[in-house]
Amino acid sequence: MDKQEIDAAVASLAGLFQGRPAADQRALLAALERAGAAVYRALAEQEPDEAAKAELLAAAEREEQNARVLEARA
């Protein structure tokens, strides 16, 4: 993906939040955080370097924590 494609994807995601109640925004963001965690775990599975793998798994856990924070306020 080039920068334009990434920017378009970000804008598309941002549009999903516009005009929605805060509870819906939190629910959507929690789901996206969990999806991000899954991506980090998938990247970790492919990572041959153990230190990098540990960092990716830690990032996945932070995404899961973000989701839990949002869900607790739903």
N, C-alpha and C. Protein backbone atom coordinates (compact mmCIF):
# COMPACT_ATOMS: atom_id res chain seq x y z
N MET A 1 0.84 -1.19 0.00
CA MET A 1 0.00 0.00 0.00
C MET A 1 0.88 1.25 0.00
N ASP A 2 0.48 2.19 -0.78
CA ASP A 2 1.21 3.45 -0.74
C ASP A 2 0.51 4.41 0.22
N LYS A 3 1.12 5.57 0.43
CA LYS A 3 0.60 6.53 1.40
C LYS A 3 -0.82 6.96 1.08
N GLN A 4 -1.12 7.17 -0.19
CA GLN A 4 -2.48 7.59 -0.58
C GLN A 4 -3.51 6.53 -0.20
N GLU A 5 -3.19 5.27 -0.42
CA GLU A 5 -4.11 4.19 -0.08
C GLU A 5 -4.31 4.11 1.44
N ILE A 6 -3.23 4.29 2.17
CA ILE A 6 -3.32 4.26 3.63
C ILE A 6 -4.16 5.43 4.12
N ASP A 7 -3.91 6.62 3.59
CA ASP A 7 -4.68 7.80 3.99
C ASP A 7 -6.17 7.61 3.68
N ALA A 8 -6.48 7.01 2.53
CA ALA A 8 -7.88 6.77 2.16
C ALA A 8 -8.52 5.78 3.12
N ALA A 9 -7.79 4.75 3.51
CA ALA A 9 -8.32 3.76 4.45
C ALA A 9 -8.58 4.41 5.81
N VAL A 10 -7.66 5.25 6.26
CA VAL A 10 -7.83 5.94 7.54
C VAL A 10 -9.06 6.85 7.47
N ALA A 11 -9.21 7.58 6.40
CA ALA A 11 -10.36 8.47 6.24
C ALA A 11 -11.66 7.67 6.23
N SER A 12 -11.63 6.53 5.58
CA SER A 12 -12.82 5.67 5.54
C SER A 12 -13.20 5.20 6.95
N LEU A 13 -12.20 4.77 7.71
CA LEU A 13 -12.47 4.35 9.08
C LEU A 13 -12.98 5.50 9.92
N ALA A 14 -12.37 6.67 9.78
CA ALA A 14 -12.81 7.84 10.54
C ALA A 14 -14.27 8.16 10.24
N GLY A 15 -14.67 7.97 9.00
CA GLY A 15 -16.05 8.24 8.61
C GLY A 15 -17.05 7.34 9.31
N LEU A 16 -16.62 6.16 9.71
CA LEU A 16 -17.52 5.25 10.43
C LEU A 16 -17.93 5.79 11.79
N PHE A 17 -17.12 6.68 12.35
CA PHE A 17 -17.37 7.21 13.69
C PHE A 17 -18.22 8.48 13.66
N GLN A 18 -18.20 9.19 12.55
CA GLN A 18 -18.86 10.49 12.46
C GLN A 18 -20.36 10.37 12.67
N GLY A 19 -20.87 11.22 13.54
CA GLY A 19 -22.31 11.30 13.78
C GLY A 19 -22.88 10.18 14.62
N ARG A 20 -22.05 9.32 15.12
CA ARG A 20 -22.53 8.19 15.93
C ARG A 20 -22.47 8.56 17.41
N PRO A 21 -23.38 8.01 18.19
CA PRO A 21 -23.33 8.25 19.64
C PRO A 21 -22.02 7.70 20.22
N ALA A 22 -21.60 8.27 21.33
CA ALA A 22 -20.34 7.88 21.95
C ALA A 22 -20.31 6.38 22.27
N ALA A 23 -21.42 5.82 22.70
CA ALA A 23 -21.44 4.38 23.02
C ALA A 23 -21.16 3.55 21.79
N ASP A 24 -21.70 3.95 20.65
CA ASP A 24 -21.44 3.23 19.40
C ASP A 24 -19.98 3.39 18.99
N GLN A 25 -19.45 4.59 19.18
CA GLN A 25 -18.05 4.82 18.84
C GLN A 25 -17.13 3.95 19.70
N ARG A 26 -17.44 3.85 21.00
CA ARG A 26 -16.63 3.00 21.88
C ARG A 26 -16.72 1.53 21.45
N ALA A 27 -17.91 1.07 21.12
CA ALA A 27 -18.08 -0.32 20.71
C ALA A 27 -17.31 -0.61 19.42
N LEU A 28 -17.40 0.29 18.46
CA LEU A 28 -16.68 0.12 17.20
C LEU A 28 -15.17 0.14 17.43
N LEU A 29 -14.71 1.11 18.21
CA LEU A 29 -13.28 1.20 18.46
C LEU A 29 -12.78 -0.03 19.21
N ALA A 30 -13.57 -0.55 20.16
CA ALA A 30 -13.17 -1.77 20.87
C ALA A 30 -13.01 -2.93 19.89
N ALA A 31 -13.92 -3.05 18.95
CA ALA A 31 -13.83 -4.11 17.96
C ALA A 31 -12.59 -3.94 17.08
N LEU A 32 -12.29 -2.71 16.72
CA LEU A 32 -11.10 -2.44 15.91
C LEU A 32 -9.82 -2.71 16.70
N GLU A 33 -9.83 -2.39 17.99
CA GLU A 33 -8.67 -2.69 18.84
C GLU A 33 -8.43 -4.20 18.87
N ARG A 34 -9.50 -4.98 19.02
CA ARG A 34 -9.35 -6.44 19.03
C ARG A 34 -8.86 -6.96 17.68
N ALA A 35 -9.32 -6.35 16.60
CA ALA A 35 -8.83 -6.73 15.28
C ALA A 35 -7.35 -6.39 15.15
N GLY A 36 -6.95 -5.25 15.69
CA GLY A 36 -5.54 -4.89 15.68
C GLY A 36 -4.71 -5.89 16.47
N ALA A 37 -5.24 -6.34 17.60
CA ALA A 37 -4.54 -7.34 18.40
C ALA A 37 -4.33 -8.62 17.60
N ALA A 38 -5.33 -8.99 16.84
CA ALA A 38 -5.22 -10.20 16.01
C ALA A 38 -4.13 -10.03 14.95
N VAL A 39 -4.03 -8.84 14.39
CA VAL A 39 -2.99 -8.58 13.39
C VAL A 39 -1.61 -8.67 14.04
N TYR A 40 -1.46 -8.07 15.22
CA TYR A 40 -0.18 -8.16 15.92
C TYR A 40 0.20 -9.61 16.19
N ARG A 41 -0.77 -10.41 16.62
CA ARG A 41 -0.48 -11.82 16.90
C ARG A 41 -0.10 -12.57 15.61
N ALA A 42 -0.76 -12.26 14.52
CA ALA A 42 -0.42 -12.89 13.24
C ALA A 42 0.99 -12.50 12.80
N LEU A 43 1.34 -11.25 12.99
CA LEU A 43 2.70 -10.81 12.66
C LEU A 43 3.72 -11.51 13.56
N ALA A 44 3.37 -11.67 14.83
CA ALA A 44 4.28 -12.33 15.77
C ALA A 44 4.53 -13.78 15.35
N GLU A 45 3.51 -14.44 14.84
CA GLU A 45 3.67 -15.83 14.40
C GLU A 45 4.68 -15.95 13.25
N GLN A 46 4.77 -14.90 12.45
CA GLN A 46 5.66 -14.92 11.30
C GLN A 46 7.06 -14.39 11.63
N GLU A 47 7.23 -13.85 12.82
CA GLU A 47 8.48 -13.18 13.19
C GLU A 47 9.52 -14.18 13.68
N PRO A 48 10.67 -14.27 13.01
CA PRO A 48 11.70 -15.21 13.45
C PRO A 48 12.50 -14.72 14.66
N ASP A 49 12.59 -13.41 14.84
CA ASP A 49 13.36 -12.85 15.94
C ASP A 49 12.53 -12.87 17.22
N GLU A 50 13.03 -13.56 18.23
CA GLU A 50 12.25 -13.74 19.47
C GLU A 50 11.97 -12.43 20.19
N ALA A 51 12.91 -11.50 20.18
CA ALA A 51 12.68 -10.20 20.84
C ALA A 51 11.59 -9.42 20.12
N ALA A 52 11.64 -9.42 18.80
CA ALA A 52 10.61 -8.73 18.02
C ALA A 52 9.26 -9.40 18.22
N LYS A 53 9.26 -10.73 18.27
CA LYS A 53 8.02 -11.47 18.50
C LYS A 53 7.41 -11.08 19.85
N ALA A 54 8.25 -10.98 20.88
CA ALA A 54 7.76 -10.59 22.21
C ALA A 54 7.18 -9.18 22.18
N GLU A 55 7.82 -8.28 21.45
CA GLU A 55 7.29 -6.91 21.35
C GLU A 55 5.94 -6.89 20.65
N LEU A 56 5.79 -7.68 19.61
CA LEU A 56 4.52 -7.74 18.89
C LEU A 56 3.42 -8.32 19.78
N LEU A 57 3.75 -9.34 20.54
CA LEU A 57 2.76 -9.93 21.44
C LEU A 57 2.38 -8.95 22.56
N ALA A 58 3.34 -8.18 23.02
CA ALA A 58 3.05 -7.16 24.03
C ALA A 58 2.13 -6.08 23.43
N ALA A 59 2.37 -5.72 22.18
CA ALA A 59 1.51 -4.75 21.50
C ALA A 59 0.09 -5.30 21.37
N ALA A 60 -0.02 -6.59 21.08
CA ALA A 60 -1.35 -7.21 20.99
C ALA A 60 -2.07 -7.11 22.32
N GLU A 61 -1.36 -7.34 23.41
CA GLU A 61 -1.98 -7.24 24.73
C GLU A 61 -2.42 -5.82 25.03
N ARG A 62 -1.64 -4.82 24.61
CA ARG A 62 -2.06 -3.43 24.81
C ARG A 62 -3.34 -3.13 24.04
N GLU A 63 -3.45 -3.67 22.83
CA GLU A 63 -4.69 -3.49 22.05
C GLU A 63 -5.87 -4.12 22.78
N GLU A 64 -5.67 -5.31 23.32
CA GLU A 64 -6.73 -5.98 24.08
C GLU A 64 -7.12 -5.15 25.31
N GLN A 65 -6.12 -4.57 25.97
CA GLN A 65 -6.40 -3.73 27.14
C GLN A 65 -7.21 -2.50 26.73
N ASN A 66 -6.84 -1.89 25.60
CA ASN A 66 -7.61 -0.75 25.10
C ASN A 66 -9.06 -1.15 24.88
N ALA A 67 -9.27 -2.32 24.30
CA ALA A 67 -10.64 -2.80 24.06
C ALA A 67 -11.39 -2.98 25.37
N ARG A 68 -10.72 -3.55 26.37
CA ARG A 68 -11.38 -3.75 27.67
C ARG A 68 -11.77 -2.43 28.31
N VAL A 69 -10.91 -1.42 28.18
CA VAL A 69 -11.22 -0.09 28.73
C VAL A 69 -12.49 0.45 28.06
N LEU A 70 -12.54 0.36 26.76
CA LEU A 70 -13.70 0.87 26.02
C LEU A 70 -14.96 0.10 26.35
N GLU A 71 -14.85 -1.20 26.45
CA GLU A 71 -16.01 -2.05 26.74
C GLU A 71 -16.54 -1.82 28.15
N ALA A 72 -15.65 -1.50 29.07
CA ALA A 72 -16.08 -1.24 30.44
C ALA A 72 -16.91 0.03 30.55
N ARG A 73 -16.80 0.90 29.56
CA ARG A 73 -17.52 2.16 29.56
C ARG A 73 -18.67 2.18 28.56
N ALA A 74 -19.00 1.01 28.06
CA ALA A 74 -20.10 0.92 27.07
C ALA A 74 -21.45 1.03 27.73
